Amino acid sequence: MTMNINFEQWTDIICKGAAPFDIVLTEQQIRLFYKHAEELVQWTRKVNLTAITDPKEIAIKHFIDSLGPSSFLTSMKHVLDVGSGGGFPGLPLKVLYPSIELTLVDAVRKKISFMQHVIRKLGLKGARAIHARIENFNLRDVFTPFDTIVCRAFSDLSFIIPHALPLLSQDGKIFVWKGRVPEKEIIDFRRRFREEALLLTIKVQSYRLPIFDAERSIVRISKIDNT
């Protein structure tokens, strides 16, 4: 299984997808995405990384969906990607913002092997993939809290938020990629974790995934400043 699309076609799709978000990509960034996508398609033959194998869908539903909401993410320095799978959204964000220190965590060893391979293939500095479950992950593994935690297509908010909060800096934020606005998940979290919810601000930003015109949302969770 290989990419049945050339680099020029890939560039056209990526640029059209990025334009509605006012994201301007360099040729080098687009080329790194292309290399990542090539490896994703090849590895998917033997490792269950993604059900999406059409290059156009990979470009939009994986890469542009990872990058599109990046304008909502501010002041990123130490970033944790939880349940990253094929490297989304963490690796595209690293390519877009090379200065961030990125840690990718997944419970599946083969997925970690893939991400480590892609990090080497793309020559990314300041990025690492760790084999671990988020519920067993602790700051002794990283030495410093994260100012930004991202999570895409992984689990519901009642699982993500309680396990991510101990890893978050006081002024940090958690960003969770979702399809439609997850109203029920937010209500369930507030009901199950009443005390924790009182100390958090939860905001939702909706957006449309271009070309496919798919509904998407991103949930931003931050601690209330009691000072």
N, C-alpha and C. Protein backbone atom coordinates (compact mmCIF):
# COMPACT_ATOMS: atom_id res chain seq x y z
N MET A 1 0.84 -1.18 0.00
CA MET A 1 0.00 0.00 0.00
C MET A 1 0.89 1.25 0.00
N THR A 2 0.73 2.11 -1.00
CA THR A 2 1.52 3.33 -1.09
C THR A 2 0.59 4.51 -1.33
N MET A 3 1.15 5.72 -1.22
CA MET A 3 0.39 6.94 -1.47
C MET A 3 0.16 7.08 -2.97
N ASN A 4 -1.10 7.04 -3.41
CA ASN A 4 -1.38 7.21 -4.83
C ASN A 4 -1.67 8.67 -5.15
N ILE A 5 -0.76 9.51 -4.70
CA ILE A 5 -0.85 10.95 -4.92
C ILE A 5 0.56 11.51 -4.91
N ASN A 6 0.85 12.42 -5.84
CA ASN A 6 2.20 12.99 -5.86
C ASN A 6 2.28 14.22 -4.96
N PHE A 7 3.49 14.73 -4.80
CA PHE A 7 3.70 15.82 -3.85
C PHE A 7 2.96 17.09 -4.27
N GLU A 8 2.89 17.36 -5.56
CA GLU A 8 2.20 18.56 -6.04
C GLU A 8 0.71 18.49 -5.72
N GLN A 9 0.10 17.33 -5.92
CA GLN A 9 -1.32 17.16 -5.58
C GLN A 9 -1.53 17.27 -4.07
N TRP A 10 -0.62 16.67 -3.31
CA TRP A 10 -0.69 16.76 -1.85
C TRP A 10 -0.60 18.22 -1.40
N THR A 11 0.31 18.97 -1.99
CA THR A 11 0.48 20.38 -1.65
C THR A 11 -0.80 21.16 -1.90
N ASP A 12 -1.45 20.90 -3.02
CA ASP A 12 -2.68 21.60 -3.37
C ASP A 12 -3.78 21.33 -2.34
N ILE A 13 -3.92 20.08 -1.95
CA ILE A 13 -4.96 19.72 -0.98
C ILE A 13 -4.67 20.33 0.39
N ILE A 14 -3.42 20.23 0.84
CA ILE A 14 -3.04 20.76 2.15
C ILE A 14 -3.23 22.28 2.20
N CYS A 15 -2.82 22.97 1.16
CA CYS A 15 -2.95 24.43 1.14
C CYS A 15 -4.41 24.86 1.11
N LYS A 16 -5.23 24.16 0.34
CA LYS A 16 -6.66 24.48 0.31
C LYS A 16 -7.30 24.20 1.66
N GLY A 17 -6.85 23.15 2.34
CA GLY A 17 -7.39 22.84 3.65
C GLY A 17 -6.96 23.82 4.73
N ALA A 18 -5.73 24.32 4.62
CA ALA A 18 -5.19 25.23 5.64
C ALA A 18 -5.71 26.66 5.47
N ALA A 19 -6.08 27.04 4.25
CA ALA A 19 -6.45 28.43 3.96
C ALA A 19 -7.60 28.96 4.83
N PRO A 20 -8.69 28.21 5.03
CA PRO A 20 -9.78 28.75 5.86
C PRO A 20 -9.37 29.06 7.30
N PHE A 21 -8.27 28.47 7.75
CA PHE A 21 -7.79 28.73 9.11
C PHE A 21 -6.69 29.79 9.14
N ASP A 22 -6.43 30.40 7.97
CA ASP A 22 -5.37 31.41 7.85
C ASP A 22 -4.01 30.86 8.24
N ILE A 23 -3.78 29.59 7.92
CA ILE A 23 -2.50 28.95 8.18
C ILE A 23 -1.69 28.93 6.88
N VAL A 24 -0.52 29.53 6.91
CA VAL A 24 0.37 29.53 5.75
C VAL A 24 1.52 28.58 6.03
N LEU A 25 1.66 27.56 5.21
CA LEU A 25 2.67 26.53 5.42
C LEU A 25 3.82 26.68 4.43
N THR A 26 5.01 26.36 4.89
CA THR A 26 6.17 26.37 4.01
C THR A 26 6.21 25.07 3.21
N GLU A 27 6.98 25.07 2.14
CA GLU A 27 7.13 23.84 1.35
C GLU A 27 7.75 22.74 2.20
N GLN A 28 8.69 23.10 3.08
CA GLN A 28 9.33 22.11 3.93
C GLN A 28 8.33 21.48 4.89
N GLN A 29 7.44 22.27 5.46
CA GLN A 29 6.42 21.73 6.36
C GLN A 29 5.48 20.78 5.62
N ILE A 30 5.07 21.17 4.43
CA ILE A 30 4.18 20.33 3.62
C ILE A 30 4.88 19.03 3.25
N ARG A 31 6.17 19.11 2.98
CA ARG A 31 6.94 17.91 2.62
C ARG A 31 7.06 16.97 3.82
N LEU A 32 7.23 17.53 5.01
CA LEU A 32 7.28 16.69 6.21
C LEU A 32 5.95 16.00 6.46
N PHE A 33 4.85 16.71 6.23
CA PHE A 33 3.53 16.08 6.35
C PHE A 33 3.39 14.93 5.34
N TYR A 34 3.90 15.15 4.13
CA TYR A 34 3.83 14.13 3.08
C TYR A 34 4.60 12.88 3.49
N LYS A 35 5.79 13.07 4.04
CA LYS A 35 6.60 11.94 4.50
C LYS A 35 5.88 11.18 5.62
N HIS A 36 5.30 11.93 6.55
CA HIS A 36 4.53 11.33 7.65
C HIS A 36 3.38 10.50 7.08
N ALA A 37 2.66 11.07 6.11
CA ALA A 37 1.52 10.37 5.51
C ALA A 37 1.97 9.11 4.78
N GLU A 38 3.10 9.18 4.08
CA GLU A 38 3.63 8.00 3.39
C GLU A 38 3.89 6.87 4.38
N GLU A 39 4.54 7.21 5.49
CA GLU A 39 4.85 6.20 6.50
C GLU A 39 3.57 5.65 7.13
N LEU A 40 2.58 6.53 7.33
CA LEU A 40 1.31 6.13 7.92
C LEU A 40 0.63 5.08 7.05
N VAL A 41 0.60 5.33 5.74
CA VAL A 41 -0.05 4.40 4.81
C VAL A 41 0.70 3.07 4.77
N GLN A 42 2.02 3.13 4.73
CA GLN A 42 2.82 1.90 4.65
C GLN A 42 2.70 1.07 5.92
N TRP A 43 2.78 1.72 7.07
CA TRP A 43 2.72 0.99 8.34
C TRP A 43 1.32 0.44 8.61
N THR A 44 0.29 1.09 8.07
CA THR A 44 -1.08 0.64 8.31
C THR A 44 -1.32 -0.74 7.71
N ARG A 45 -0.48 -1.16 6.80
CA ARG A 45 -0.60 -2.52 6.24
C ARG A 45 -0.40 -3.58 7.32
N LYS A 46 0.44 -3.27 8.31
CA LYS A 46 0.75 -4.26 9.34
C LYS A 46 0.36 -3.83 10.75
N VAL A 47 0.12 -2.54 10.94
CA VAL A 47 -0.26 -2.02 12.25
C VAL A 47 -1.55 -1.21 12.09
N ASN A 48 -2.50 -1.43 12.97
CA ASN A 48 -3.77 -0.72 12.88
C ASN A 48 -3.62 0.72 13.37
N LEU A 49 -3.13 1.59 12.49
CA LEU A 49 -2.91 2.98 12.86
C LEU A 49 -4.10 3.86 12.51
N THR A 50 -4.73 3.59 11.38
CA THR A 50 -5.84 4.43 10.93
C THR A 50 -6.74 3.65 9.99
N ALA A 51 -8.03 3.97 10.04
CA ALA A 51 -8.97 3.38 9.09
C ALA A 51 -9.04 4.21 7.82
N ILE A 52 -8.42 5.38 7.85
CA ILE A 52 -8.42 6.29 6.71
C ILE A 52 -7.18 6.03 5.87
N THR A 53 -7.36 5.64 4.62
CA THR A 53 -6.22 5.33 3.76
C THR A 53 -6.20 6.15 2.47
N ASP A 54 -7.29 6.83 2.18
CA ASP A 54 -7.31 7.71 1.00
C ASP A 54 -6.47 8.95 1.29
N PRO A 55 -5.50 9.29 0.41
CA PRO A 55 -4.60 10.41 0.68
C PRO A 55 -5.31 11.74 0.92
N LYS A 56 -6.39 12.00 0.19
CA LYS A 56 -7.12 13.25 0.38
C LYS A 56 -7.74 13.29 1.77
N GLU A 57 -8.31 12.17 2.20
CA GLU A 57 -8.88 12.11 3.54
C GLU A 57 -7.81 12.21 4.61
N ILE A 58 -6.66 11.57 4.38
CA ILE A 58 -5.55 11.67 5.33
C ILE A 58 -5.12 13.12 5.47
N ALA A 59 -5.00 13.82 4.35
CA ALA A 59 -4.55 15.22 4.37
C ALA A 59 -5.49 16.09 5.20
N ILE A 60 -6.80 15.93 4.99
CA ILE A 60 -7.77 16.80 5.65
C ILE A 60 -8.16 16.29 7.03
N LYS A 61 -8.51 15.00 7.12
CA LYS A 61 -9.06 14.48 8.37
C LYS A 61 -8.01 14.19 9.43
N HIS A 62 -6.76 14.08 9.04
CA HIS A 62 -5.69 13.90 10.02
C HIS A 62 -4.86 15.17 10.17
N PHE A 63 -4.26 15.64 9.07
CA PHE A 63 -3.32 16.75 9.18
C PHE A 63 -4.02 18.09 9.37
N ILE A 64 -4.97 18.44 8.51
CA ILE A 64 -5.64 19.73 8.66
C ILE A 64 -6.48 19.76 9.93
N ASP A 65 -7.09 18.64 10.29
CA ASP A 65 -7.86 18.62 11.54
C ASP A 65 -6.95 18.80 12.75
N SER A 66 -5.70 18.36 12.64
CA SER A 66 -4.74 18.58 13.73
C SER A 66 -4.32 20.04 13.80
N LEU A 67 -4.18 20.68 12.64
CA LEU A 67 -3.64 22.03 12.57
C LEU A 67 -4.71 23.12 12.70
N GLY A 68 -5.90 22.84 12.17
CA GLY A 68 -6.94 23.86 12.10
C GLY A 68 -7.22 24.60 13.39
N PRO A 69 -7.45 23.89 14.49
CA PRO A 69 -7.76 24.57 15.75
C PRO A 69 -6.54 25.17 16.45
N SER A 70 -5.37 25.13 15.81
CA SER A 70 -4.15 25.57 16.50
C SER A 70 -4.21 27.04 16.91
N SER A 71 -5.07 27.83 16.25
CA SER A 71 -5.18 29.24 16.65
C SER A 71 -5.81 29.38 18.03
N PHE A 72 -6.51 28.33 18.49
CA PHE A 72 -7.10 28.35 19.83
C PHE A 72 -6.05 28.01 20.89
N LEU A 73 -4.96 27.39 20.46
CA LEU A 73 -3.90 26.96 21.38
C LEU A 73 -2.89 28.10 21.51
N THR A 74 -2.68 28.59 22.72
CA THR A 74 -1.80 29.74 22.92
C THR A 74 -0.67 29.41 23.88
N SER A 75 0.44 30.06 23.70
CA SER A 75 1.59 29.99 24.61
C SER A 75 2.04 28.56 24.87
N MET A 76 2.14 27.77 23.83
CA MET A 76 2.58 26.38 23.98
C MET A 76 4.09 26.31 24.13
N LYS A 77 4.54 25.55 25.11
CA LYS A 77 5.97 25.31 25.30
C LYS A 77 6.23 23.83 25.54
N HIS A 78 5.66 23.30 26.63
CA HIS A 78 5.77 21.88 26.94
C HIS A 78 4.41 21.23 26.66
N VAL A 79 4.35 20.40 25.63
CA VAL A 79 3.09 19.85 25.14
C VAL A 79 3.06 18.33 25.31
N LEU A 80 1.93 17.84 25.82
CA LEU A 80 1.70 16.40 25.95
C LEU A 80 0.54 16.01 25.05
N ASP A 81 0.76 15.01 24.18
CA ASP A 81 -0.29 14.47 23.33
C ASP A 81 -0.68 13.10 23.89
N VAL A 82 -1.92 12.98 24.35
CA VAL A 82 -2.39 11.76 25.01
C VAL A 82 -3.12 10.87 24.00
N GLY A 83 -2.73 9.59 23.95
CA GLY A 83 -3.37 8.67 23.02
C GLY A 83 -3.15 9.06 21.59
N SER A 84 -1.90 9.36 21.25
CA SER A 84 -1.58 9.98 19.97
C SER A 84 -1.75 9.06 18.76
N GLY A 85 -1.65 7.74 18.96
CA GLY A 85 -1.89 6.80 17.86
C GLY A 85 -0.92 6.95 16.72
N GLY A 86 -1.37 7.54 15.62
CA GLY A 86 -0.52 7.77 14.45
C GLY A 86 0.26 9.07 14.51
N GLY A 87 0.20 9.75 15.68
CA GLY A 87 0.95 10.99 15.85
C GLY A 87 0.11 12.25 15.74
N PHE A 88 -1.21 12.12 15.86
CA PHE A 88 -2.11 13.27 15.69
C PHE A 88 -2.81 13.62 17.01
N PRO A 89 -2.85 14.90 17.35
CA PRO A 89 -2.41 16.06 16.57
C PRO A 89 -0.95 16.48 16.82
N GLY A 90 -0.25 15.75 17.70
CA GLY A 90 1.04 16.21 18.19
C GLY A 90 2.10 16.47 17.13
N LEU A 91 2.32 15.51 16.23
CA LEU A 91 3.40 15.67 15.26
C LEU A 91 3.14 16.79 14.25
N PRO A 92 1.93 16.92 13.69
CA PRO A 92 1.70 18.09 12.84
C PRO A 92 1.88 19.42 13.59
N LEU A 93 1.47 19.46 14.86
CA LEU A 93 1.67 20.69 15.64
C LEU A 93 3.16 20.97 15.83
N LYS A 94 3.95 19.92 16.03
CA LYS A 94 5.40 20.08 16.18
C LYS A 94 6.02 20.63 14.91
N VAL A 95 5.56 20.17 13.76
CA VAL A 95 6.08 20.68 12.49
C VAL A 95 5.68 22.14 12.31
N LEU A 96 4.44 22.48 12.69
CA LEU A 96 3.97 23.86 12.55
C LEU A 96 4.65 24.78 13.55
N TYR A 97 4.89 24.28 14.76
CA TYR A 97 5.54 25.08 15.82
C TYR A 97 6.79 24.33 16.30
N PRO A 98 7.91 24.44 15.59
CA PRO A 98 9.10 23.63 15.89
C PRO A 98 9.69 23.86 17.28
N SER A 99 9.39 24.99 17.91
CA SER A 99 10.02 25.30 19.20
C SER A 99 9.39 24.57 20.37
N ILE A 100 8.21 23.96 20.19
CA ILE A 100 7.58 23.28 21.33
C ILE A 100 8.34 22.00 21.68
N GLU A 101 8.33 21.66 22.98
CA GLU A 101 8.85 20.38 23.45
C GLU A 101 7.67 19.42 23.52
N LEU A 102 7.71 18.38 22.71
CA LEU A 102 6.55 17.51 22.54
C LEU A 102 6.80 16.12 23.12
N THR A 103 5.83 15.67 23.94
CA THR A 103 5.83 14.30 24.44
C THR A 103 4.55 13.62 23.97
N LEU A 104 4.70 12.48 23.30
CA LEU A 104 3.57 11.70 22.82
C LEU A 104 3.44 10.44 23.67
N VAL A 105 2.23 10.14 24.11
CA VAL A 105 2.00 8.98 24.96
C VAL A 105 0.91 8.11 24.35
N ASP A 106 1.17 6.81 24.29
CA ASP A 106 0.15 5.86 23.83
C ASP A 106 0.38 4.53 24.54
N ALA A 107 -0.70 3.79 24.75
CA ALA A 107 -0.61 2.51 25.47
C ALA A 107 -0.25 1.34 24.55
N VAL A 108 -0.24 1.57 23.23
CA VAL A 108 0.03 0.50 22.27
C VAL A 108 1.47 0.61 21.79
N ARG A 109 2.27 -0.42 22.07
CA ARG A 109 3.70 -0.40 21.75
C ARG A 109 3.95 -0.17 20.26
N LYS A 110 3.18 -0.82 19.39
CA LYS A 110 3.41 -0.68 17.94
C LYS A 110 3.18 0.75 17.47
N LYS A 111 2.24 1.42 18.09
CA LYS A 111 1.99 2.82 17.73
C LYS A 111 3.14 3.72 18.19
N ILE A 112 3.70 3.42 19.35
CA ILE A 112 4.86 4.15 19.83
C ILE A 112 6.05 3.92 18.89
N SER A 113 6.24 2.68 18.45
CA SER A 113 7.32 2.38 17.52
C SER A 113 7.16 3.17 16.23
N PHE A 114 5.92 3.28 15.76
CA PHE A 114 5.67 4.07 14.56
C PHE A 114 6.02 5.52 14.77
N MET A 115 5.57 6.10 15.87
CA MET A 115 5.84 7.52 16.11
C MET A 115 7.33 7.79 16.30
N GLN A 116 8.03 6.89 16.96
CA GLN A 116 9.47 7.05 17.10
C GLN A 116 10.15 6.99 15.74
N HIS A 117 9.66 6.11 14.87
CA HIS A 117 10.18 6.02 13.51
C HIS A 117 9.95 7.32 12.74
N VAL A 118 8.74 7.89 12.85
CA VAL A 118 8.42 9.13 12.14
C VAL A 118 9.25 10.29 12.67
N ILE A 119 9.44 10.35 13.98
CA ILE A 119 10.26 11.41 14.57
C ILE A 119 11.67 11.37 13.98
N ARG A 120 12.22 10.16 13.86
CA ARG A 120 13.56 10.02 13.26
C ARG A 120 13.53 10.37 11.77
N LYS A 121 12.52 9.88 11.08
CA LYS A 121 12.41 10.09 9.63
C LYS A 121 12.29 11.58 9.30
N LEU A 122 11.55 12.30 10.13
CA LEU A 122 11.33 13.72 9.88
C LEU A 122 12.42 14.59 10.49
N GLY A 123 13.31 13.99 11.29
CA GLY A 123 14.39 14.74 11.91
C GLY A 123 13.91 15.75 12.93
N LEU A 124 12.86 15.39 13.69
CA LEU A 124 12.29 16.33 14.65
C LEU A 124 13.09 16.31 15.95
N LYS A 125 13.52 17.47 16.38
CA LYS A 125 14.23 17.62 17.65
C LYS A 125 13.25 18.10 18.71
N GLY A 126 13.43 17.62 19.92
CA GLY A 126 12.53 18.02 21.00
C GLY A 126 11.19 17.32 20.93
N ALA A 127 11.19 16.09 20.41
CA ALA A 127 9.97 15.28 20.36
C ALA A 127 10.31 13.86 20.78
N ARG A 128 9.45 13.24 21.56
CA ARG A 128 9.67 11.87 22.00
C ARG A 128 8.34 11.17 22.20
N ALA A 129 8.35 9.87 22.01
CA ALA A 129 7.15 9.05 22.18
C ALA A 129 7.40 8.05 23.30
N ILE A 130 6.47 7.98 24.25
CA ILE A 130 6.62 7.14 25.44
C ILE A 130 5.50 6.12 25.49
N HIS A 131 5.87 4.87 25.72
CA HIS A 131 4.88 3.79 25.85
C HIS A 131 4.34 3.80 27.28
N ALA A 132 3.10 4.24 27.44
CA ALA A 132 2.50 4.31 28.78
C ALA A 132 1.01 4.57 28.67
N ARG A 133 0.30 4.21 29.72
CA ARG A 133 -1.10 4.59 29.84
C ARG A 133 -1.17 5.91 30.59
N ILE A 134 -2.07 6.77 30.18
CA ILE A 134 -2.15 8.08 30.81
C ILE A 134 -2.47 7.95 32.29
N GLU A 135 -3.24 6.91 32.67
CA GLU A 135 -3.61 6.76 34.08
C GLU A 135 -2.42 6.33 34.94
N ASN A 136 -1.37 5.83 34.30
CA ASN A 136 -0.16 5.44 35.04
C ASN A 136 1.01 6.38 34.81
N PHE A 137 0.77 7.41 34.01
CA PHE A 137 1.82 8.35 33.66
C PHE A 137 1.96 9.38 34.78
N ASN A 138 3.18 9.74 35.14
CA ASN A 138 3.36 10.74 36.18
C ASN A 138 4.51 11.67 35.84
N LEU A 139 4.60 12.76 36.59
CA LEU A 139 5.58 13.80 36.27
C LEU A 139 7.02 13.37 36.50
N ARG A 140 7.24 12.27 37.20
CA ARG A 140 8.61 11.79 37.37
C ARG A 140 9.22 11.38 36.03
N ASP A 141 8.33 11.08 35.06
CA ASP A 141 8.81 10.68 33.73
C ASP A 141 9.23 11.89 32.89
N VAL A 142 8.77 13.09 33.27
CA VAL A 142 9.03 14.27 32.43
C VAL A 142 9.64 15.44 33.19
N PHE A 143 9.57 15.40 34.52
CA PHE A 143 10.25 16.37 35.40
C PHE A 143 9.58 17.73 35.48
N THR A 144 8.67 18.06 34.58
CA THR A 144 8.03 19.37 34.63
C THR A 144 6.59 19.25 34.17
N PRO A 145 5.66 20.00 34.77
CA PRO A 145 4.26 19.95 34.31
C PRO A 145 4.15 20.47 32.87
N PHE A 146 3.08 20.08 32.22
CA PHE A 146 2.83 20.52 30.85
C PHE A 146 1.94 21.76 30.85
N ASP A 147 2.27 22.74 30.01
CA ASP A 147 1.40 23.90 29.90
C ASP A 147 0.27 23.65 28.92
N THR A 148 0.44 22.63 28.07
CA THR A 148 -0.59 22.29 27.08
C THR A 148 -0.71 20.77 26.97
N ILE A 149 -1.92 20.26 27.12
CA ILE A 149 -2.19 18.83 26.90
C ILE A 149 -3.23 18.73 25.80
N VAL A 150 -2.94 17.94 24.77
CA VAL A 150 -3.86 17.79 23.65
C VAL A 150 -4.29 16.33 23.54
N CYS A 151 -5.47 16.14 23.00
CA CYS A 151 -6.02 14.79 22.89
C CYS A 151 -7.03 14.77 21.75
N ARG A 152 -6.86 13.83 20.83
CA ARG A 152 -7.75 13.77 19.67
C ARG A 152 -8.22 12.33 19.46
N ALA A 153 -9.55 12.17 19.37
CA ALA A 153 -10.15 10.86 19.06
C ALA A 153 -9.66 9.77 19.99
N PHE A 154 -9.68 10.06 21.28
CA PHE A 154 -9.11 9.11 22.25
C PHE A 154 -10.15 8.56 23.21
N SER A 155 -10.79 9.42 23.99
CA SER A 155 -11.73 8.95 25.01
C SER A 155 -12.67 10.09 25.37
N ASP A 156 -13.58 9.82 26.34
CA ASP A 156 -14.51 10.88 26.71
C ASP A 156 -13.91 11.76 27.80
N LEU A 157 -14.57 12.88 28.04
CA LEU A 157 -14.03 13.90 28.94
C LEU A 157 -13.93 13.40 30.39
N SER A 158 -14.83 12.51 30.79
CA SER A 158 -14.80 12.01 32.17
C SER A 158 -13.59 11.13 32.43
N PHE A 159 -12.97 10.62 31.38
CA PHE A 159 -11.71 9.88 31.53
C PHE A 159 -10.52 10.80 31.35
N ILE A 160 -10.56 11.63 30.33
CA ILE A 160 -9.41 12.46 29.97
C ILE A 160 -9.09 13.49 31.05
N ILE A 161 -10.08 14.25 31.47
CA ILE A 161 -9.81 15.38 32.37
C ILE A 161 -9.20 14.95 33.71
N PRO A 162 -9.78 13.98 34.43
CA PRO A 162 -9.19 13.61 35.73
C PRO A 162 -7.76 13.08 35.61
N HIS A 163 -7.43 12.40 34.51
CA HIS A 163 -6.09 11.85 34.36
C HIS A 163 -5.09 12.88 33.82
N ALA A 164 -5.59 13.88 33.12
CA ALA A 164 -4.70 14.91 32.57
C ALA A 164 -4.39 16.02 33.57
N LEU A 165 -5.34 16.33 34.44
CA LEU A 165 -5.17 17.46 35.36
C LEU A 165 -3.91 17.37 36.23
N PRO A 166 -3.56 16.19 36.79
CA PRO A 166 -2.35 16.13 37.62
C PRO A 166 -1.06 16.43 36.85
N LEU A 167 -1.12 16.37 35.53
CA LEU A 167 0.06 16.60 34.70
C LEU A 167 0.13 18.03 34.18
N LEU A 168 -0.88 18.83 34.52
CA LEU A 168 -1.02 20.17 33.96
C LEU A 168 -0.45 21.22 34.90
N SER A 169 0.24 22.20 34.35
CA SER A 169 0.73 23.33 35.15
C SER A 169 -0.47 24.16 35.61
N GLN A 170 -0.24 25.01 36.61
CA GLN A 170 -1.34 25.77 37.20
C GLN A 170 -2.06 26.63 36.17
N ASP A 171 -1.32 27.22 35.26
CA ASP A 171 -1.93 28.09 34.24
C ASP A 171 -2.06 27.37 32.89
N GLY A 172 -1.93 26.05 32.91
CA GLY A 172 -1.99 25.28 31.67
C GLY A 172 -3.40 25.03 31.19
N LYS A 173 -3.50 24.45 29.99
CA LYS A 173 -4.80 24.18 29.38
C LYS A 173 -4.81 22.80 28.73
N ILE A 174 -5.97 22.17 28.77
CA ILE A 174 -6.21 20.89 28.08
C ILE A 174 -7.10 21.18 26.88
N PHE A 175 -6.73 20.63 25.72
CA PHE A 175 -7.53 20.80 24.51
C PHE A 175 -7.91 19.42 23.99
N VAL A 176 -9.21 19.19 23.85
CA VAL A 176 -9.71 17.89 23.42
C VAL A 176 -10.47 18.06 22.11
N TRP A 177 -9.98 17.40 21.06
CA TRP A 177 -10.63 17.42 19.75
C TRP A 177 -11.87 16.53 19.79
N LYS A 178 -12.99 17.06 19.28
CA LYS A 178 -14.23 16.28 19.22
C LYS A 178 -14.91 16.50 17.87
N GLY A 179 -15.95 15.68 17.63
CA GLY A 179 -16.76 15.89 16.44
C GLY A 179 -17.75 17.01 16.75
N ARG A 180 -19.01 16.68 16.88
CA ARG A 180 -19.99 17.67 17.29
C ARG A 180 -19.73 18.10 18.73
N VAL A 181 -20.29 19.24 19.09
CA VAL A 181 -20.13 19.73 20.46
C VAL A 181 -20.58 18.65 21.44
N PRO A 182 -19.70 18.22 22.34
CA PRO A 182 -20.01 17.08 23.23
C PRO A 182 -20.77 17.51 24.48
N GLU A 183 -21.97 18.00 24.29
CA GLU A 183 -22.76 18.52 25.41
C GLU A 183 -22.99 17.45 26.48
N LYS A 184 -23.34 16.24 26.04
CA LYS A 184 -23.62 15.17 27.01
C LYS A 184 -22.37 14.82 27.82
N GLU A 185 -21.20 14.78 27.17
CA GLU A 185 -19.95 14.47 27.88
C GLU A 185 -19.66 15.54 28.92
N ILE A 186 -19.89 16.79 28.59
CA ILE A 186 -19.64 17.88 29.53
C ILE A 186 -20.58 17.77 30.73
N ILE A 187 -21.85 17.49 30.46
CA ILE A 187 -22.84 17.33 31.55
C ILE A 187 -22.45 16.15 32.43
N ASP A 188 -22.07 15.03 31.80
CA ASP A 188 -21.69 13.83 32.56
C ASP A 188 -20.47 14.11 33.44
N PHE A 189 -19.49 14.84 32.89
CA PHE A 189 -18.29 15.15 33.69
C PHE A 189 -18.67 16.02 34.90
N ARG A 190 -19.45 17.05 34.68
CA ARG A 190 -19.84 17.95 35.79
C ARG A 190 -20.64 17.18 36.85
N ARG A 191 -21.42 16.20 36.43
CA ARG A 191 -22.21 15.42 37.38
C ARG A 191 -21.33 14.46 38.17
N ARG A 192 -20.40 13.79 37.52
CA ARG A 192 -19.56 12.77 38.16
C ARG A 192 -18.43 13.38 38.97
N PHE A 193 -17.95 14.55 38.58
CA PHE A 193 -16.81 15.18 39.26
C PHE A 193 -17.21 16.61 39.67
N ARG A 194 -18.18 16.69 40.55
CA ARG A 194 -18.75 17.98 40.94
C ARG A 194 -17.70 18.94 41.52
N GLU A 195 -16.91 18.44 42.47
CA GLU A 195 -15.93 19.32 43.12
C GLU A 195 -14.86 19.77 42.15
N GLU A 196 -14.33 18.85 41.34
CA GLU A 196 -13.30 19.20 40.36
C GLU A 196 -13.85 20.20 39.34
N ALA A 197 -15.08 20.00 38.90
CA ALA A 197 -15.67 20.85 37.87
C ALA A 197 -15.80 22.29 38.34
N LEU A 198 -16.03 22.48 39.65
CA LEU A 198 -16.15 23.84 40.19
C LEU A 198 -14.85 24.62 40.07
N LEU A 199 -13.73 23.92 39.93
CA LEU A 199 -12.43 24.57 39.86
C LEU A 199 -11.92 24.71 38.44
N LEU A 200 -12.79 24.40 37.46
CA LEU A 200 -12.37 24.41 36.07
C LEU A 200 -13.26 25.31 35.22
N THR A 201 -12.67 25.84 34.17
CA THR A 201 -13.42 26.54 33.13
C THR A 201 -13.43 25.65 31.90
N ILE A 202 -14.61 25.36 31.36
CA ILE A 202 -14.73 24.52 30.18
C ILE A 202 -15.41 25.34 29.07
N LYS A 203 -14.68 25.51 27.97
CA LYS A 203 -15.22 26.26 26.82
C LYS A 203 -15.12 25.40 25.57
N VAL A 204 -16.07 25.59 24.67
CA VAL A 204 -16.10 24.82 23.43
C VAL A 204 -16.07 25.77 22.24
N GLN A 205 -15.22 25.47 21.28
CA GLN A 205 -15.13 26.24 20.05
C GLN A 205 -15.45 25.31 18.87
N SER A 206 -16.43 25.66 18.07
CA SER A 206 -16.80 24.85 16.91
C SER A 206 -16.07 25.34 15.66
N TYR A 207 -15.85 24.42 14.74
CA TYR A 207 -15.27 24.78 13.44
C TYR A 207 -15.70 23.75 12.41
N ARG A 208 -15.51 24.07 11.14
CA ARG A 208 -15.86 23.16 10.05
C ARG A 208 -14.58 22.66 9.40
N LEU A 209 -14.55 21.36 9.13
CA LEU A 209 -13.42 20.78 8.44
C LEU A 209 -13.60 21.02 6.95
N PRO A 210 -12.69 21.77 6.31
CA PRO A 210 -12.89 22.14 4.91
C PRO A 210 -12.90 20.95 3.96
N ILE A 211 -13.39 21.21 2.77
CA ILE A 211 -13.51 20.24 1.67
C ILE A 211 -14.61 19.21 1.98
N PHE A 212 -14.52 18.56 3.15
CA PHE A 212 -15.55 17.59 3.52
C PHE A 212 -16.70 18.25 4.29
N ASP A 213 -16.52 19.50 4.68
CA ASP A 213 -17.53 20.28 5.41
C ASP A 213 -18.06 19.50 6.62
N ALA A 214 -17.14 18.92 7.37
CA ALA A 214 -17.50 18.12 8.55
C ALA A 214 -17.51 18.99 9.80
N GLU A 215 -18.46 18.72 10.68
CA GLU A 215 -18.57 19.49 11.92
C GLU A 215 -17.55 18.99 12.93
N ARG A 216 -16.82 19.92 13.52
CA ARG A 216 -15.82 19.60 14.52
C ARG A 216 -15.91 20.59 15.67
N SER A 217 -15.35 20.22 16.80
CA SER A 217 -15.27 21.13 17.94
C SER A 217 -14.02 20.82 18.74
N ILE A 218 -13.57 21.80 19.49
CA ILE A 218 -12.44 21.60 20.39
C ILE A 218 -12.85 22.12 21.76
N VAL A 219 -12.60 21.30 22.78
CA VAL A 219 -12.97 21.63 24.15
C VAL A 219 -11.72 22.12 24.88
N ARG A 220 -11.80 23.30 25.48
CA ARG A 220 -10.67 23.86 26.22
C ARG A 220 -10.98 23.81 27.71
N ILE A 221 -10.11 23.17 28.46
CA ILE A 221 -10.28 23.05 29.91
C ILE A 221 -9.10 23.75 30.59
N SER A 222 -9.40 24.62 31.52
CA SER A 222 -8.34 25.32 32.27
C SER A 222 -8.74 25.46 33.72
N LYS A 223 -7.74 25.58 34.57
CA LYS A 223 -7.99 25.75 36.01
C LYS A 223 -8.36 27.19 36.29
N ILE A 224 -9.30 27.38 37.21
CA ILE A 224 -9.69 28.73 37.64
C ILE A 224 -8.61 29.31 38.52
N ASP A 225 -8.21 30.53 38.25
CA ASP A 225 -7.19 31.21 39.05
C ASP A 225 -7.83 31.73 40.33
N ASN A 226 -7.54 31.05 41.43
CA ASN A 226 -8.16 31.44 42.71
C ASN A 226 -7.52 32.67 43.34
N THR A 227 -6.41 33.14 42.76
CA THR A 227 -5.78 34.32 43.33
C THR A 227 -6.57 35.57 43.02
